[in-house]
Amino acid sequence: MTEAERIRALTPQDLLMLGIKNIAYMKDVEVDGETAVALFAANGQQIAVMEDRATATAAAWQNGLAPMTVH
C-alpha cells in the first residue's frame, strides 16, 4: 500500500487521534456567566478550564502540549 493509499484509508477515529499527545486546542467557554478558556485534546475531550488564555497557554506548554486556538 502506498503512503497516499494509507492516508486515504484513515478512519474518522484515526484522524481524531492525530496529535492527541502533542496538541491542546484552546477555545473560549462560558463558566458561571464569565468567559474562560478550555483546553481540549485532539479527540475533543476537555482537559481543563483556565481563567484566561495566558494561563491556558502556559498550562499546555508545561504539560508538553502545543496550544492551538479553535475559532
PDB file of N, CA and C in Angstrom:
ATOM      1  N   MET A   1       0.854  -1.183   0.000  1.00  0.00           N
ATOM      2  CA  MET A   1       0.000   0.000   0.000  1.00  0.00           C
ATOM      3  C   MET A   1       0.898   1.243   0.000  1.00  0.00           C
ATOM      4  N   THR A   2       0.610   2.177  -0.865  1.00  0.00           N
ATOM      5  CA  THR A   2       1.398   3.401  -0.935  1.00  0.00           C
ATOM      6  C   THR A   2       1.020   4.335   0.215  1.00  0.00           C
ATOM      7  N   GLU A   3       1.854   5.327   0.448  1.00  0.00           N
ATOM      8  CA  GLU A   3       1.565   6.294   1.502  1.00  0.00           C
ATOM      9  C   GLU A   3       0.248   7.019   1.239  1.00  0.00           C
ATOM     10  N   ALA A   4      -0.003   7.390  -0.008  1.00  0.00           N
ATOM     11  CA  ALA A   4      -1.256   8.056  -0.361  1.00  0.00           C
ATOM     12  C   ALA A   4      -2.454   7.157  -0.066  1.00  0.00           C
ATOM     13  N   GLU A   5      -2.331   5.877  -0.344  1.00  0.00           N
ATOM     14  CA  GLU A   5      -3.420   4.936  -0.068  1.00  0.00           C
ATOM     15  C   GLU A   5      -3.651   4.781   1.436  1.00  0.00           C
ATOM     16  N   ARG A   6      -2.563   4.763   2.206  1.00  0.00           N
ATOM     17  CA  ARG A   6      -2.695   4.680   3.669  1.00  0.00           C
ATOM     18  C   ARG A   6      -3.393   5.920   4.214  1.00  0.00           C
ATOM     19  N   ILE A   7      -3.062   7.074   3.684  1.00  0.00           N
ATOM     20  CA  ILE A   7      -3.702   8.318   4.132  1.00  0.00           C
ATOM     21  C   ILE A   7      -5.187   8.296   3.801  1.00  0.00           C
ATOM     22  N   ARG A   8      -5.526   7.848   2.606  1.00  0.00           N
ATOM     23  CA  ARG A   8      -6.944   7.782   2.200  1.00  0.00           C
ATOM     24  C   ARG A   8      -7.724   6.776   3.033  1.00  0.00           C
ATOM     25  N   ALA A   9      -7.044   5.789   3.601  1.00  0.00           N
ATOM     26  CA  ALA A   9      -7.701   4.743   4.387  1.00  0.00           C
ATOM     27  C   ALA A   9      -7.927   5.142   5.845  1.00  0.00           C
ATOM     28  N   LEU A  10      -7.440   6.319   6.245  1.00  0.00           N
ATOM     29  CA  LEU A  10      -7.635   6.754   7.632  1.00  0.00           C
ATOM     30  C   LEU A  10      -9.121   6.889   7.940  1.00  0.00           C
ATOM     31  N   THR A  11      -9.506   6.390   9.094  1.00  0.00           N
ATOM     32  CA  THR A  11     -10.894   6.495   9.537  1.00  0.00           C
ATOM     33  C   THR A  11     -11.079   7.804  10.294  1.00  0.00           C
ATOM     34  N   PRO A  12     -12.323   8.220  10.515  1.00  0.00           N
ATOM     35  CA  PRO A  12     -12.545   9.410  11.353  1.00  0.00           C
ATOM     36  C   PRO A  12     -11.894   9.271  12.731  1.00  0.00           C
ATOM     37  N   GLN A  13     -11.922   8.082  13.321  1.00  0.00           N
ATOM     38  CA  GLN A  13     -11.284   7.860  14.622  1.00  0.00           C
ATOM     39  C   GLN A  13      -9.771   8.038  14.523  1.00  0.00           C
ATOM     40  N   ASP A  14      -9.173   7.543  13.433  1.00  0.00           N
ATOM     41  CA  ASP A  14      -7.733   7.737  13.222  1.00  0.00           C
ATOM     42  C   ASP A  14      -7.391   9.221  13.192  1.00  0.00           C
ATOM     43  N   LEU A  15      -8.208   9.997  12.502  1.00  0.00           N
ATOM     44  CA  LEU A  15      -7.961  11.437  12.395  1.00  0.00           C
ATOM     45  C   LEU A  15      -8.084  12.127  13.749  1.00  0.00           C
ATOM     46  N   LEU A  16      -9.044  11.669  14.574  1.00  0.00           N
ATOM     47  CA  LEU A  16      -9.200  12.254  15.908  1.00  0.00           C
ATOM     48  C   LEU A  16      -7.974  12.032  16.771  1.00  0.00           C
ATOM     49  N   MET A  17      -7.283  10.936  16.558  1.00  0.00           N
ATOM     50  CA  MET A  17      -6.134  10.600  17.387  1.00  0.00           C
ATOM     51  C   MET A  17      -4.854  11.317  16.956  1.00  0.00           C
ATOM     52  N   LEU A  18      -4.844  11.913  15.759  1.00  0.00           N
ATOM     53  CA  LEU A  18      -3.657  12.636  15.304  1.00  0.00           C
ATOM     54  C   LEU A  18      -3.369  13.797  16.250  1.00  0.00           C
ATOM     55  N   GLY A  19      -2.192  13.840  16.772  1.00  0.00           N
ATOM     56  CA  GLY A  19      -1.801  14.942  17.638  1.00  0.00           C
ATOM     57  C   GLY A  19      -2.296  14.856  19.060  1.00  0.00           C
ATOM     58  N   ILE A  20      -2.954  13.756  19.440  1.00  0.00           N
ATOM     59  CA  ILE A  20      -3.546  13.693  20.768  1.00  0.00           C
ATOM     60  C   ILE A  20      -2.514  13.854  21.888  1.00  0.00           C
ATOM     61  N   LYS A  21      -1.291  13.420  21.650  1.00  0.00           N
ATOM     62  CA  LYS A  21      -0.252  13.536  22.677  1.00  0.00           C
ATOM     63  C   LYS A  21       0.581  14.796  22.518  1.00  0.00           C
ATOM     64  N   ASN A  22       0.289  15.602  21.477  1.00  0.00           N
ATOM     65  CA  ASN A  22       1.145  16.749  21.191  1.00  0.00           C
ATOM     66  C   ASN A  22       0.425  18.086  21.165  1.00  0.00           C
ATOM     67  N   ILE A  23      -0.878  18.081  20.962  1.00  0.00           N
ATOM     68  CA  ILE A  23      -1.597  19.325  20.722  1.00  0.00           C
ATOM     69  C   ILE A  23      -2.753  19.491  21.713  1.00  0.00           C
ATOM     70  N   ALA A  24      -2.931  20.705  22.199  1.00  0.00           N
ATOM     71  CA  ALA A  24      -4.102  21.065  23.002  1.00  0.00           C
ATOM     72  C   ALA A  24      -4.796  22.219  22.287  1.00  0.00           C
ATOM     73  N   TYR A  25      -6.063  22.057  22.049  1.00  0.00           N
ATOM     74  CA  TYR A  25      -6.838  23.112  21.407  1.00  0.00           C
ATOM     75  C   TYR A  25      -7.469  23.989  22.472  1.00  0.00           C
ATOM     76  N   MET A  26      -7.393  25.307  22.300  1.00  0.00           N
ATOM     77  CA  MET A  26      -7.965  26.261  23.238  1.00  0.00           C
ATOM     78  C   MET A  26      -9.214  26.878  22.629  1.00  0.00           C
ATOM     79  N   LYS A  27     -10.243  26.991  23.459  1.00  0.00           N
ATOM     80  CA  LYS A  27     -11.496  27.564  22.989  1.00  0.00           C
ATOM     81  C   LYS A  27     -12.133  28.339  24.139  1.00  0.00           C
ATOM     82  N   ASP A  28     -12.656  29.534  23.825  1.00  0.00           N
ATOM     83  CA  ASP A  28     -13.366  30.301  24.837  1.00  0.00           C
ATOM     84  C   ASP A  28     -14.654  29.581  25.211  1.00  0.00           C
ATOM     85  N   VAL A  29     -14.925  29.500  26.502  1.00  0.00           N
ATOM     86  CA  VAL A  29     -16.144  28.886  27.013  1.00  0.00           C
ATOM     87  C   VAL A  29     -16.734  29.792  28.081  1.00  0.00           C
ATOM     88  N   GLU A  30     -17.979  29.596  28.399  1.00  0.00           N
ATOM     89  CA  GLU A  30     -18.624  30.379  29.453  1.00  0.00           C
ATOM     90  C   GLU A  30     -18.765  29.509  30.693  1.00  0.00           C
ATOM     91  N   VAL A  31     -18.304  30.051  31.831  1.00  0.00           N
ATOM     92  CA  VAL A  31     -18.402  29.360  33.111  1.00  0.00           C
ATOM     93  C   VAL A  31     -18.990  30.343  34.116  1.00  0.00           C
ATOM     94  N   ASP A  32     -20.150  30.021  34.642  1.00  0.00           N
ATOM     95  CA  ASP A  32     -20.822  30.886  35.619  1.00  0.00           C
ATOM     96  C   ASP A  32     -20.958  32.318  35.111  1.00  0.00           C
ATOM     97  N   GLY A  33     -21.291  32.471  33.849  1.00  0.00           N
ATOM     98  CA  GLY A  33     -21.505  33.790  33.265  1.00  0.00           C
ATOM     99  C   GLY A  33     -20.244  34.538  32.891  1.00  0.00           C
ATOM    100  N   GLU A  34     -19.097  33.935  33.097  1.00  0.00           N
ATOM    101  CA  GLU A  34     -17.808  34.561  32.776  1.00  0.00           C
ATOM    102  C   GLU A  34     -17.137  33.805  31.639  1.00  0.00           C
ATOM    103  N   THR A  35     -16.315  34.494  30.866  1.00  0.00           N
ATOM    104  CA  THR A  35     -15.558  33.839  29.802  1.00  0.00           C
ATOM    105  C   THR A  35     -14.299  33.219  30.384  1.00  0.00           C
ATOM    106  N   ALA A  36     -14.066  31.960  30.043  1.00  0.00           N
ATOM    107  CA  ALA A  36     -12.865  31.237  30.446  1.00  0.00           C
ATOM    108  C   ALA A  36     -12.297  30.588  29.176  1.00  0.00           C
ATOM    109  N   VAL A  37     -11.180  29.912  29.321  1.00  0.00           N
ATOM    110  CA  VAL A  37     -10.558  29.230  28.188  1.00  0.00           C
ATOM    111  C   VAL A  37     -10.416  27.756  28.545  1.00  0.00           C
ATOM    112  N   ALA A  38     -10.973  26.890  27.696  1.00  0.00           N
ATOM    113  CA  ALA A  38     -10.881  25.457  27.913  1.00  0.00           C
ATOM    114  C   ALA A  38      -9.804  24.874  27.009  1.00  0.00           C
ATOM    115  N   LEU A  39      -9.111  23.880  27.526  1.00  0.00           N
ATOM    116  CA  LEU A  39      -8.139  23.116  26.741  1.00  0.00           C
ATOM    117  C   LEU A  39      -8.782  21.786  26.384  1.00  0.00           C
ATOM    118  N   PHE A  40      -8.652  21.403  25.111  1.00  0.00           N
ATOM    119  CA  PHE A  40      -9.203  20.151  24.623  1.00  0.00           C
ATOM    120  C   PHE A  40      -8.109  19.334  23.952  1.00  0.00           C
ATOM    121  N   ALA A  41      -8.183  18.014  24.107  1.00  0.00           N
ATOM    122  CA  ALA A  41      -7.280  17.107  23.386  1.00  0.00           C
ATOM    123  C   ALA A  41      -7.712  17.063  21.923  1.00  0.00           C
ATOM    124  N   ALA A  42      -6.871  16.501  21.089  1.00  0.00           N
ATOM    125  CA  ALA A  42      -7.170  16.424  19.661  1.00  0.00           C
ATOM    126  C   ALA A  42      -8.460  15.669  19.376  1.00  0.00           C
ATOM    127  N   ASN A  43      -8.847  14.754  20.252  1.00  0.00           N
ATOM    128  CA  ASN A  43     -10.074  13.988  20.049  1.00  0.00           C
ATOM    129  C   ASN A  43     -11.318  14.699  20.578  1.00  0.00           C
ATOM    130  N   GLY A  44     -11.135  15.915  21.087  1.00  0.00           N
ATOM    131  CA  GLY A  44     -12.274  16.696  21.569  1.00  0.00           C
ATOM    132  C   GLY A  44     -12.543  16.578  23.054  1.00  0.00           C
ATOM    133  N   GLN A  45     -11.816  15.727  23.751  1.00  0.00           N
ATOM    134  CA  GLN A  45     -12.007  15.576  25.187  1.00  0.00           C
ATOM    135  C   GLN A  45     -11.488  16.813  25.913  1.00  0.00           C
ATOM    136  N   GLN A  46     -12.322  17.372  26.791  1.00  0.00           N
ATOM    137  CA  GLN A  46     -11.896  18.547  27.557  1.00  0.00           C
ATOM    138  C   GLN A  46     -10.852  18.123  28.576  1.00  0.00           C
ATOM    139  N   ILE A  47      -9.748  18.858  28.612  1.00  0.00           N
ATOM    140  CA  ILE A  47      -8.643  18.570  29.518  1.00  0.00           C
ATOM    141  C   ILE A  47      -8.733  19.440  30.764  1.00  0.00           C
ATOM    142  N   ALA A  48      -8.992  20.732  30.566  1.00  0.00           N
ATOM    143  CA  ALA A  48      -9.002  21.674  31.688  1.00  0.00           C
ATOM    144  C   ALA A  48      -9.706  22.956  31.284  1.00  0.00           C
ATOM    145  N   VAL A  49     -10.062  23.763  32.279  1.00  0.00           N
ATOM    146  CA  VAL A  49     -10.615  25.102  32.056  1.00  0.00           C
ATOM    147  C   VAL A  49      -9.789  26.066  32.888  1.00  0.00           C
ATOM    148  N   MET A  50      -9.327  27.137  32.251  1.00  0.00           N
ATOM    149  CA  MET A  50      -8.491  28.134  32.912  1.00  0.00           C
ATOM    150  C   MET A  50      -9.178  29.496  32.852  1.00  0.00           C
ATOM    151  N   GLU A  51      -8.746  30.392  33.714  1.00  0.00           N
ATOM    152  CA  GLU A  51      -9.352  31.728  33.780  1.00  0.00           C
ATOM    153  C   GLU A  51      -9.096  32.568  32.545  1.00  0.00           C
ATOM    154  N   ASP A  52      -7.903  32.405  31.941  1.00  0.00           N
ATOM    155  CA  ASP A  52      -7.574  33.249  30.794  1.00  0.00           C
ATOM    156  C   ASP A  52      -6.663  32.509  29.825  1.00  0.00           C
ATOM    157  N   ARG A  53      -6.477  33.101  28.660  1.00  0.00           N
ATOM    158  CA  ARG A  53      -5.705  32.474  27.583  1.00  0.00           C
ATOM    159  C   ARG A  53      -4.227  32.306  27.974  1.00  0.00           C
ATOM    160  N   ALA A  54      -3.660  33.267  28.663  1.00  0.00           N
ATOM    161  CA  ALA A  54      -2.247  33.173  29.056  1.00  0.00           C
ATOM    162  C   ALA A  54      -2.017  31.976  29.980  1.00  0.00           C
ATOM    163  N   THR A  55      -2.907  31.776  30.923  1.00  0.00           N
ATOM    164  CA  THR A  55      -2.789  30.651  31.853  1.00  0.00           C
ATOM    165  C   THR A  55      -2.980  29.330  31.113  1.00  0.00           C
ATOM    166  N   ALA A  56      -3.943  29.286  30.202  1.00  0.00           N
ATOM    167  CA  ALA A  56      -4.190  28.071  29.422  1.00  0.00           C
ATOM    168  C   ALA A  56      -2.981  27.744  28.541  1.00  0.00           C
ATOM    169  N   THR A  57      -2.400  28.755  27.932  1.00  0.00           N
ATOM    170  CA  THR A  57      -1.223  28.555  27.087  1.00  0.00           C
ATOM    171  C   THR A  57      -0.061  28.009  27.913  1.00  0.00           C
ATOM    172  N   ALA A  58       0.177  28.622  29.074  1.00  0.00           N
ATOM    173  CA  ALA A  58       1.266  28.166  29.946  1.00  0.00           C
ATOM    174  C   ALA A  58       1.030  26.733  30.412  1.00  0.00           C
ATOM    175  N   ALA A  59      -0.199  26.400  30.770  1.00  0.00           N
ATOM    176  CA  ALA A  59      -0.515  25.038  31.221  1.00  0.00           C
ATOM    177  C   ALA A  59      -0.274  24.024  30.113  1.00  0.00           C
ATOM    178  N   ALA A  60      -0.649  24.372  28.898  1.00  0.00           N
ATOM    179  CA  ALA A  60      -0.420  23.463  27.774  1.00  0.00           C
ATOM    180  C   ALA A  60       1.075  23.206  27.594  1.00  0.00           C
ATOM    181  N   TRP A  61       1.866  24.278  27.525  1.00  0.00           N
ATOM    182  CA  TRP A  61       3.311  24.124  27.332  1.00  0.00           C
ATOM    183  C   TRP A  61       3.944  23.343  28.474  1.00  0.00           C
ATOM    184  N   GLN A  62       3.523  23.618  29.712  1.00  0.00           N
ATOM    185  CA  GLN A  62       4.098  22.921  30.872  1.00  0.00           C
ATOM    186  C   GLN A  62       3.810  21.426  30.850  1.00  0.00           C
ATOM    187  N   ASN A  63       2.780  21.036  30.135  1.00  0.00           N
ATOM    188  CA  ASN A  63       2.418  19.622  30.037  1.00  0.00           C
ATOM    189  C   ASN A  63       2.821  19.007  28.703  1.00  0.00           C
ATOM    190  N   GLY A  64       3.738  19.675  28.002  1.00  0.00           N
ATOM    191  CA  GLY A  64       4.288  19.130  26.776  1.00  0.00           C
ATOM    192  C   GLY A  64       3.351  19.175  25.576  1.00  0.00           C
ATOM    193  N   LEU A  65       2.349  20.068  25.620  1.00  0.00           N
ATOM    194  CA  LEU A  65       1.389  20.187  24.537  1.00  0.00           C
ATOM    195  C   LEU A  65       1.557  21.520  23.833  1.00  0.00           C
ATOM    196  N   ALA A  66       1.429  21.525  22.534  1.00  0.00           N
ATOM    197  CA  ALA A  66       1.474  22.762  21.761  1.00  0.00           C
ATOM    198  C   ALA A  66       0.044  23.323  21.690  1.00  0.00           C
ATOM    199  N   PRO A  67      -0.182  24.524  22.232  1.00  0.00           N
ATOM    200  CA  PRO A  67      -1.530  25.075  22.229  1.00  0.00           C
ATOM    201  C   PRO A  67      -1.908  25.652  20.861  1.00  0.00           C
ATOM    202  N   MET A  68      -3.121  25.361  20.431  1.00  0.00           N
ATOM    203  CA  MET A  68      -3.688  25.866  19.189  1.00  0.00           C
ATOM    204  C   MET A  68      -5.060  26.475  19.519  1.00  0.00           C
ATOM    205  N   THR A  69      -5.434  27.506  18.814  1.00  0.00           N
ATOM    206  CA  THR A  69      -6.753  28.089  19.057  1.00  0.00           C
ATOM    207  C   THR A  69      -7.782  27.512  18.094  1.00  0.00           C
ATOM    208  N   VAL A  70      -9.004  27.428  18.577  1.00  0.00           N
ATOM    209  CA  VAL A  70     -10.140  26.992  17.763  1.00  0.00           C
ATOM    210  C   VAL A  70     -11.027  28.207  17.592  1.00  0.00           C
ATOM    211  N   HIS A  71     -11.384  28.495  16.347  1.00  0.00           N
ATOM    212  CA  HIS A  71     -12.228  29.662  16.091  1.00  0.00           C
ATOM    213  C   HIS A  71     -13.617  29.225  15.737  1.00  0.00           C
TER     214      HIS A  71
END
